[in-house]
Amino acid sequence: MNISKHQIDDLNAVISVDLQPEDYQGRVNQVLRNYQKTAKVPGFRPGNVPTGMIKKMYGKAVLVEELNRLLSEELGKYIYENKIEVLGSPLPKRTSEEQPFEEGRNFKFEYEIGLAPAIDVKFLQLKFLTTW
């Protein structure tokens, strides 16, 4: 997994996340194994449904769910570790090409973030007259 930040201007940046299959494959396989243990499919005893059938039925949904979970965790961790002061939540950046969600391929996601501006506040010292 490769995460990088590209500064656009003082208040905007783009965070790019590149995922390789080894980053998400273990998580997807673990969830599919759990589905296999509990799936109730006509013609098969519970827990004995073939892995290929589970992958065909739930594979794409599990892949998208685990990619979303992994991206959320890693993006939050990157922002926290690099102490990036963000206004609001990162917004997914739309690309002109649509990525098909297929297992075993590399994914690239980009998020636009708004950065908090640096504010320097100087206070004036006022002398108050006190009459007691």
N, C-alpha and C. Protein backbone atom coordinates (compact mmCIF):
# COMPACT_ATOMS: atom_id res chain seq x y z
N MET A 1 0.85 -1.17 0.00
CA MET A 1 0.00 0.00 0.00
C MET A 1 0.90 1.23 0.00
N ASN A 2 0.52 2.18 -0.82
CA ASN A 2 1.29 3.41 -0.94
C ASN A 2 0.32 4.58 -0.79
N ILE A 3 0.58 5.43 0.20
CA ILE A 3 -0.27 6.60 0.44
C ILE A 3 0.61 7.84 0.29
N SER A 4 0.13 8.80 -0.50
CA SER A 4 0.89 10.03 -0.68
C SER A 4 -0.04 11.22 -0.73
N LYS A 5 0.51 12.38 -0.35
CA LYS A 5 -0.27 13.63 -0.35
C LYS A 5 0.33 14.58 -1.36
N HIS A 6 -0.52 15.15 -2.20
CA HIS A 6 -0.10 16.14 -3.20
C HIS A 6 -0.78 17.46 -2.85
N GLN A 7 0.03 18.46 -2.52
CA GLN A 7 -0.48 19.77 -2.15
C GLN A 7 -0.90 20.53 -3.41
N ILE A 8 -2.15 20.99 -3.45
CA ILE A 8 -2.64 21.76 -4.59
C ILE A 8 -2.40 23.25 -4.34
N ASP A 9 -2.85 23.73 -3.21
CA ASP A 9 -2.58 25.10 -2.77
C ASP A 9 -2.58 25.10 -1.25
N ASP A 10 -2.64 26.29 -0.64
CA ASP A 10 -2.56 26.36 0.82
C ASP A 10 -3.72 25.67 1.53
N LEU A 11 -4.87 25.60 0.89
CA LEU A 11 -6.06 25.07 1.55
C LEU A 11 -6.58 23.77 0.96
N ASN A 12 -5.96 23.26 -0.08
CA ASN A 12 -6.44 22.04 -0.74
C ASN A 12 -5.29 21.08 -0.99
N ALA A 13 -5.60 19.79 -0.88
CA ALA A 13 -4.62 18.75 -1.17
C ALA A 13 -5.38 17.51 -1.64
N VAL A 14 -4.64 16.59 -2.25
CA VAL A 14 -5.20 15.32 -2.70
C VAL A 14 -4.35 14.21 -2.09
N ILE A 15 -5.03 13.25 -1.47
CA ILE A 15 -4.35 12.08 -0.92
C ILE A 15 -4.63 10.92 -1.86
N SER A 16 -3.56 10.28 -2.35
CA SER A 16 -3.68 9.13 -3.25
C SER A 16 -3.35 7.86 -2.48
N VAL A 17 -4.19 6.84 -2.67
CA VAL A 17 -3.98 5.54 -2.02
C VAL A 17 -3.91 4.49 -3.11
N ASP A 18 -2.77 3.81 -3.19
CA ASP A 18 -2.58 2.72 -4.16
C ASP A 18 -2.63 1.40 -3.39
N LEU A 19 -3.53 0.51 -3.79
CA LEU A 19 -3.67 -0.79 -3.14
C LEU A 19 -3.26 -1.90 -4.09
N GLN A 20 -2.46 -2.83 -3.61
CA GLN A 20 -2.10 -4.03 -4.35
C GLN A 20 -2.92 -5.20 -3.79
N PRO A 21 -3.04 -6.28 -4.54
CA PRO A 21 -3.86 -7.41 -4.08
C PRO A 21 -3.44 -7.97 -2.71
N GLU A 22 -2.16 -7.96 -2.40
CA GLU A 22 -1.73 -8.51 -1.11
C GLU A 22 -2.21 -7.66 0.07
N ASP A 23 -2.60 -6.41 -0.18
CA ASP A 23 -3.10 -5.54 0.88
C ASP A 23 -4.50 -5.93 1.34
N TYR A 24 -5.32 -6.41 0.42
CA TYR A 24 -6.72 -6.68 0.77
C TYR A 24 -7.12 -8.15 0.62
N GLN A 25 -6.35 -8.96 -0.05
CA GLN A 25 -6.75 -10.33 -0.36
C GLN A 25 -6.98 -11.18 0.89
N GLY A 26 -6.13 -11.06 1.88
CA GLY A 26 -6.29 -11.85 3.11
C GLY A 26 -7.59 -11.52 3.83
N ARG A 27 -7.93 -10.25 3.88
CA ARG A 27 -9.18 -9.84 4.54
C ARG A 27 -10.40 -10.37 3.80
N VAL A 28 -10.37 -10.30 2.48
CA VAL A 28 -11.50 -10.77 1.67
C VAL A 28 -11.67 -12.28 1.84
N ASN A 29 -10.56 -13.02 1.80
CA ASN A 29 -10.63 -14.47 1.96
C ASN A 29 -11.16 -14.86 3.33
N GLN A 30 -10.76 -14.13 4.37
CA GLN A 30 -11.24 -14.42 5.72
C GLN A 30 -12.75 -14.22 5.83
N VAL A 31 -13.27 -13.15 5.26
CA VAL A 31 -14.71 -12.89 5.30
C VAL A 31 -15.46 -13.95 4.51
N LEU A 32 -14.92 -14.35 3.36
CA LEU A 32 -15.57 -15.39 2.56
C LEU A 32 -15.58 -16.73 3.29
N ARG A 33 -14.51 -17.04 4.03
CA ARG A 33 -14.49 -18.28 4.85
C ARG A 33 -15.56 -18.23 5.93
N ASN A 34 -15.75 -17.04 6.55
CA ASN A 34 -16.79 -16.91 7.56
C ASN A 34 -18.18 -17.07 6.94
N TYR A 35 -18.38 -16.52 5.74
CA TYR A 35 -19.65 -16.70 5.03
C TYR A 35 -19.88 -18.18 4.72
N GLN A 36 -18.82 -18.87 4.35
CA GLN A 36 -18.94 -20.27 3.99
C GLN A 36 -19.40 -21.11 5.19
N LYS A 37 -18.96 -20.75 6.38
CA LYS A 37 -19.33 -21.49 7.59
C LYS A 37 -20.79 -21.32 7.95
N THR A 38 -21.37 -20.17 7.60
CA THR A 38 -22.74 -19.87 8.05
C THR A 38 -23.77 -19.83 6.92
N ALA A 39 -23.34 -19.97 5.68
CA ALA A 39 -24.27 -19.83 4.54
C ALA A 39 -25.25 -21.00 4.50
N LYS A 40 -26.50 -20.68 4.22
CA LYS A 40 -27.53 -21.69 4.05
C LYS A 40 -27.99 -21.64 2.59
N VAL A 41 -27.51 -22.59 1.80
CA VAL A 41 -27.82 -22.66 0.38
C VAL A 41 -28.58 -23.97 0.14
N PRO A 42 -29.71 -23.90 -0.54
CA PRO A 42 -30.45 -25.13 -0.81
C PRO A 42 -29.59 -26.16 -1.55
N GLY A 43 -29.64 -27.39 -1.09
CA GLY A 43 -28.86 -28.46 -1.70
C GLY A 43 -27.55 -28.73 -0.99
N PHE A 44 -27.19 -27.89 -0.03
CA PHE A 44 -25.94 -28.08 0.71
C PHE A 44 -26.23 -27.98 2.21
N ARG A 45 -25.48 -28.75 2.98
CA ARG A 45 -25.60 -28.62 4.43
C ARG A 45 -24.92 -27.33 4.87
N PRO A 46 -25.42 -26.72 5.95
CA PRO A 46 -24.77 -25.50 6.44
C PRO A 46 -23.29 -25.76 6.76
N GLY A 47 -22.45 -24.91 6.25
CA GLY A 47 -21.01 -25.05 6.47
C GLY A 47 -20.30 -25.85 5.41
N ASN A 48 -21.04 -26.50 4.51
CA ASN A 48 -20.42 -27.32 3.46
C ASN A 48 -20.67 -26.78 2.06
N VAL A 49 -20.96 -25.51 1.94
CA VAL A 49 -21.15 -24.89 0.63
C VAL A 49 -19.76 -24.69 0.01
N PRO A 50 -19.58 -25.05 -1.27
CA PRO A 50 -18.26 -24.90 -1.91
C PRO A 50 -17.80 -23.43 -1.93
N THR A 51 -16.50 -23.27 -1.79
CA THR A 51 -15.91 -21.93 -1.76
C THR A 51 -16.19 -21.17 -3.06
N GLY A 52 -16.15 -21.86 -4.18
CA GLY A 52 -16.40 -21.21 -5.47
C GLY A 52 -17.80 -20.63 -5.56
N MET A 53 -18.77 -21.33 -4.98
CA MET A 53 -20.14 -20.84 -5.01
C MET A 53 -20.30 -19.61 -4.11
N ILE A 54 -19.66 -19.65 -2.94
CA ILE A 54 -19.70 -18.49 -2.03
C ILE A 54 -19.03 -17.30 -2.69
N LYS A 55 -17.91 -17.54 -3.36
CA LYS A 55 -17.19 -16.45 -4.03
C LYS A 55 -18.04 -15.87 -5.16
N LYS A 56 -18.75 -16.71 -5.88
CA LYS A 56 -19.59 -16.24 -6.97
C LYS A 56 -20.78 -15.44 -6.44
N MET A 57 -21.35 -15.88 -5.31
CA MET A 57 -22.53 -15.22 -4.76
C MET A 57 -22.19 -13.90 -4.06
N TYR A 58 -21.12 -13.91 -3.26
CA TYR A 58 -20.82 -12.78 -2.39
C TYR A 58 -19.48 -12.10 -2.66
N GLY A 59 -18.69 -12.61 -3.60
CA GLY A 59 -17.32 -12.14 -3.79
C GLY A 59 -17.17 -10.66 -4.05
N LYS A 60 -17.94 -10.13 -4.99
CA LYS A 60 -17.79 -8.71 -5.34
C LYS A 60 -18.25 -7.80 -4.20
N ALA A 61 -19.35 -8.16 -3.54
CA ALA A 61 -19.84 -7.34 -2.42
C ALA A 61 -18.85 -7.33 -1.27
N VAL A 62 -18.28 -8.50 -0.98
CA VAL A 62 -17.29 -8.59 0.09
C VAL A 62 -16.04 -7.79 -0.27
N LEU A 63 -15.61 -7.86 -1.53
CA LEU A 63 -14.44 -7.11 -1.98
C LEU A 63 -14.65 -5.62 -1.80
N VAL A 64 -15.79 -5.10 -2.25
CA VAL A 64 -16.07 -3.67 -2.13
C VAL A 64 -16.15 -3.25 -0.67
N GLU A 65 -16.79 -4.07 0.16
CA GLU A 65 -16.92 -3.75 1.59
C GLU A 65 -15.56 -3.71 2.27
N GLU A 66 -14.72 -4.69 1.98
CA GLU A 66 -13.41 -4.73 2.62
C GLU A 66 -12.48 -3.63 2.09
N LEU A 67 -12.59 -3.29 0.81
CA LEU A 67 -11.80 -2.16 0.28
C LEU A 67 -12.21 -0.87 0.98
N ASN A 68 -13.51 -0.68 1.15
CA ASN A 68 -14.01 0.52 1.82
C ASN A 68 -13.51 0.58 3.27
N ARG A 69 -13.57 -0.53 3.95
CA ARG A 69 -13.11 -0.59 5.35
C ARG A 69 -11.61 -0.33 5.44
N LEU A 70 -10.83 -0.95 4.56
CA LEU A 70 -9.38 -0.77 4.56
C LEU A 70 -9.00 0.67 4.24
N LEU A 71 -9.66 1.25 3.23
CA LEU A 71 -9.38 2.65 2.88
C LEU A 71 -9.69 3.60 4.02
N SER A 72 -10.81 3.37 4.68
CA SER A 72 -11.21 4.22 5.79
C SER A 72 -10.19 4.16 6.92
N GLU A 73 -9.77 2.96 7.27
CA GLU A 73 -8.78 2.79 8.34
C GLU A 73 -7.45 3.44 7.99
N GLU A 74 -6.94 3.14 6.81
CA GLU A 74 -5.61 3.62 6.43
C GLU A 74 -5.59 5.13 6.18
N LEU A 75 -6.66 5.67 5.63
CA LEU A 75 -6.73 7.12 5.40
C LEU A 75 -6.77 7.86 6.73
N GLY A 76 -7.58 7.37 7.66
CA GLY A 76 -7.64 7.98 8.99
C GLY A 76 -6.30 7.90 9.72
N LYS A 77 -5.64 6.75 9.61
CA LYS A 77 -4.34 6.56 10.25
C LYS A 77 -3.29 7.50 9.64
N TYR A 78 -3.31 7.66 8.30
CA TYR A 78 -2.36 8.54 7.63
C TYR A 78 -2.55 9.99 8.06
N ILE A 79 -3.79 10.43 8.12
CA ILE A 79 -4.07 11.81 8.53
C ILE A 79 -3.65 12.04 9.97
N TYR A 80 -3.92 11.05 10.85
CA TYR A 80 -3.56 11.19 12.26
C TYR A 80 -2.04 11.18 12.45
N GLU A 81 -1.35 10.23 11.82
CA GLU A 81 0.10 10.11 12.01
C GLU A 81 0.87 11.30 11.45
N ASN A 82 0.39 11.89 10.37
CA ASN A 82 1.07 13.04 9.77
C ASN A 82 0.55 14.37 10.29
N LYS A 83 -0.36 14.32 11.25
CA LYS A 83 -0.91 15.50 11.90
C LYS A 83 -1.41 16.53 10.89
N ILE A 84 -2.20 16.05 9.95
CA ILE A 84 -2.78 16.92 8.93
C ILE A 84 -4.07 17.49 9.49
N GLU A 85 -4.17 18.80 9.54
CA GLU A 85 -5.37 19.45 10.06
C GLU A 85 -6.37 19.59 8.92
N VAL A 86 -7.42 18.77 8.98
CA VAL A 86 -8.39 18.68 7.90
C VAL A 86 -9.68 19.35 8.32
N LEU A 87 -10.28 20.07 7.39
CA LEU A 87 -11.61 20.63 7.59
C LEU A 87 -12.61 19.67 6.97
N GLY A 88 -13.48 19.09 7.76
CA GLY A 88 -14.47 18.15 7.24
C GLY A 88 -13.86 16.79 6.98
N SER A 89 -14.52 16.02 6.15
CA SER A 89 -14.09 14.67 5.81
C SER A 89 -13.44 14.65 4.43
N PRO A 90 -12.53 13.71 4.20
CA PRO A 90 -11.97 13.57 2.85
C PRO A 90 -13.07 13.17 1.87
N LEU A 91 -13.07 13.78 0.70
CA LEU A 91 -14.07 13.49 -0.33
C LEU A 91 -13.44 12.68 -1.45
N PRO A 92 -14.07 11.57 -1.84
CA PRO A 92 -13.51 10.81 -2.96
C PRO A 92 -13.51 11.64 -4.23
N LYS A 93 -12.42 11.58 -4.95
CA LYS A 93 -12.28 12.34 -6.19
C LYS A 93 -12.76 11.47 -7.35
N ARG A 94 -13.60 12.02 -8.18
CA ARG A 94 -14.11 11.29 -9.34
C ARG A 94 -13.05 11.24 -10.43
N THR A 95 -12.98 10.10 -11.07
CA THR A 95 -12.07 9.96 -12.20
C THR A 95 -12.89 9.74 -13.46
N SER A 96 -12.29 9.99 -14.60
CA SER A 96 -13.02 9.85 -15.85
C SER A 96 -13.25 8.39 -16.19
N GLU A 97 -12.35 7.53 -15.75
CA GLU A 97 -12.50 6.10 -16.03
C GLU A 97 -13.05 5.38 -14.81
N GLU A 98 -13.93 4.45 -15.04
CA GLU A 98 -14.52 3.70 -13.94
C GLU A 98 -13.72 2.42 -13.75
N GLN A 99 -13.37 2.13 -12.50
CA GLN A 99 -12.60 0.94 -12.20
C GLN A 99 -13.53 -0.24 -11.93
N PRO A 100 -13.36 -1.33 -12.64
CA PRO A 100 -14.16 -2.51 -12.29
C PRO A 100 -13.59 -3.14 -11.02
N PHE A 101 -14.48 -3.55 -10.14
CA PHE A 101 -14.05 -4.18 -8.90
C PHE A 101 -13.87 -5.68 -9.14
N GLU A 102 -12.64 -6.06 -9.41
CA GLU A 102 -12.30 -7.45 -9.63
C GLU A 102 -11.17 -7.81 -8.69
N GLU A 103 -11.24 -9.03 -8.16
CA GLU A 103 -10.19 -9.48 -7.27
C GLU A 103 -8.88 -9.64 -8.03
N GLY A 104 -7.79 -9.37 -7.35
CA GLY A 104 -6.48 -9.58 -7.94
C GLY A 104 -5.95 -8.44 -8.78
N ARG A 105 -6.55 -7.28 -8.70
CA ARG A 105 -6.02 -6.16 -9.47
C ARG A 105 -5.65 -5.02 -8.54
N ASN A 106 -4.83 -4.12 -9.04
CA ASN A 106 -4.42 -2.94 -8.28
C ASN A 106 -5.51 -1.89 -8.36
N PHE A 107 -5.67 -1.16 -7.26
CA PHE A 107 -6.65 -0.09 -7.21
C PHE A 107 -5.96 1.21 -6.83
N LYS A 108 -6.44 2.31 -7.39
CA LYS A 108 -5.94 3.63 -7.02
C LYS A 108 -7.14 4.50 -6.69
N PHE A 109 -7.12 5.05 -5.49
CA PHE A 109 -8.19 5.93 -5.03
C PHE A 109 -7.58 7.27 -4.66
N GLU A 110 -8.32 8.34 -4.93
CA GLU A 110 -7.86 9.68 -4.59
C GLU A 110 -8.94 10.39 -3.78
N TYR A 111 -8.51 11.12 -2.78
CA TYR A 111 -9.42 11.86 -1.91
C TYR A 111 -8.99 13.31 -1.84
N GLU A 112 -9.95 14.21 -2.01
CA GLU A 112 -9.68 15.65 -1.87
C GLU A 112 -9.90 16.02 -0.42
N ILE A 113 -8.97 16.79 0.13
CA ILE A 113 -9.12 17.25 1.51
C ILE A 113 -8.98 18.76 1.56
N GLY A 114 -9.72 19.35 2.49
CA GLY A 114 -9.59 20.78 2.76
C GLY A 114 -8.72 20.95 3.99
N LEU A 115 -7.71 21.76 3.88
CA LEU A 115 -6.76 21.97 4.98
C LEU A 115 -7.15 23.19 5.79
N ALA A 116 -6.96 23.09 7.08
CA ALA A 116 -7.24 24.22 7.96
C ALA A 116 -6.18 25.30 7.75
N PRO A 117 -6.60 26.54 7.57
CA PRO A 117 -5.62 27.61 7.35
C PRO A 117 -4.88 27.94 8.64
N ALA A 118 -3.68 28.43 8.49
CA ALA A 118 -2.90 28.86 9.65
C ALA A 118 -3.41 30.24 10.06
N ILE A 119 -3.80 30.37 11.28
CA ILE A 119 -4.35 31.63 11.78
C ILE A 119 -3.44 32.14 12.88
N ASP A 120 -3.05 33.39 12.74
CA ASP A 120 -2.22 34.03 13.76
C ASP A 120 -3.04 35.16 14.36
N VAL A 121 -3.47 34.97 15.59
CA VAL A 121 -4.30 35.97 16.25
C VAL A 121 -3.44 36.73 17.26
N LYS A 122 -3.45 38.03 17.13
CA LYS A 122 -2.71 38.86 18.07
C LYS A 122 -3.73 39.68 18.85
N PHE A 123 -3.58 39.64 20.14
CA PHE A 123 -4.49 40.37 21.01
C PHE A 123 -3.87 41.71 21.39
N LEU A 124 -4.71 42.69 21.43
CA LEU A 124 -4.27 44.01 21.87
C LEU A 124 -4.38 44.08 23.37
N GLN A 125 -3.43 44.70 23.97
CA GLN A 125 -3.52 44.89 25.40
C GLN A 125 -4.24 46.20 25.66
N LEU A 126 -5.32 46.11 26.33
CA LEU A 126 -6.09 47.30 26.66
C LEU A 126 -5.94 47.58 28.14
N LYS A 127 -5.78 48.82 28.43
CA LYS A 127 -5.68 49.22 29.83
C LYS A 127 -7.05 49.74 30.24
N PHE A 128 -7.58 49.11 31.21
CA PHE A 128 -8.89 49.53 31.71
C PHE A 128 -8.68 50.39 32.95
N LEU A 129 -9.46 51.41 33.00
CA LEU A 129 -9.43 52.24 34.19
C LEU A 129 -10.36 51.63 35.21
N THR A 130 -9.84 51.43 36.34
CA THR A 130 -10.70 50.89 37.39
C THR A 130 -10.89 51.97 38.44
N THR A 131 -12.09 52.22 38.74
CA THR A 131 -12.38 53.20 39.78
C THR A 131 -13.16 52.49 40.86
N TRP A 132 -12.51 52.25 41.93
CA TRP A 132 -13.19 51.58 43.04
C TRP A 132 -13.42 52.52 44.14
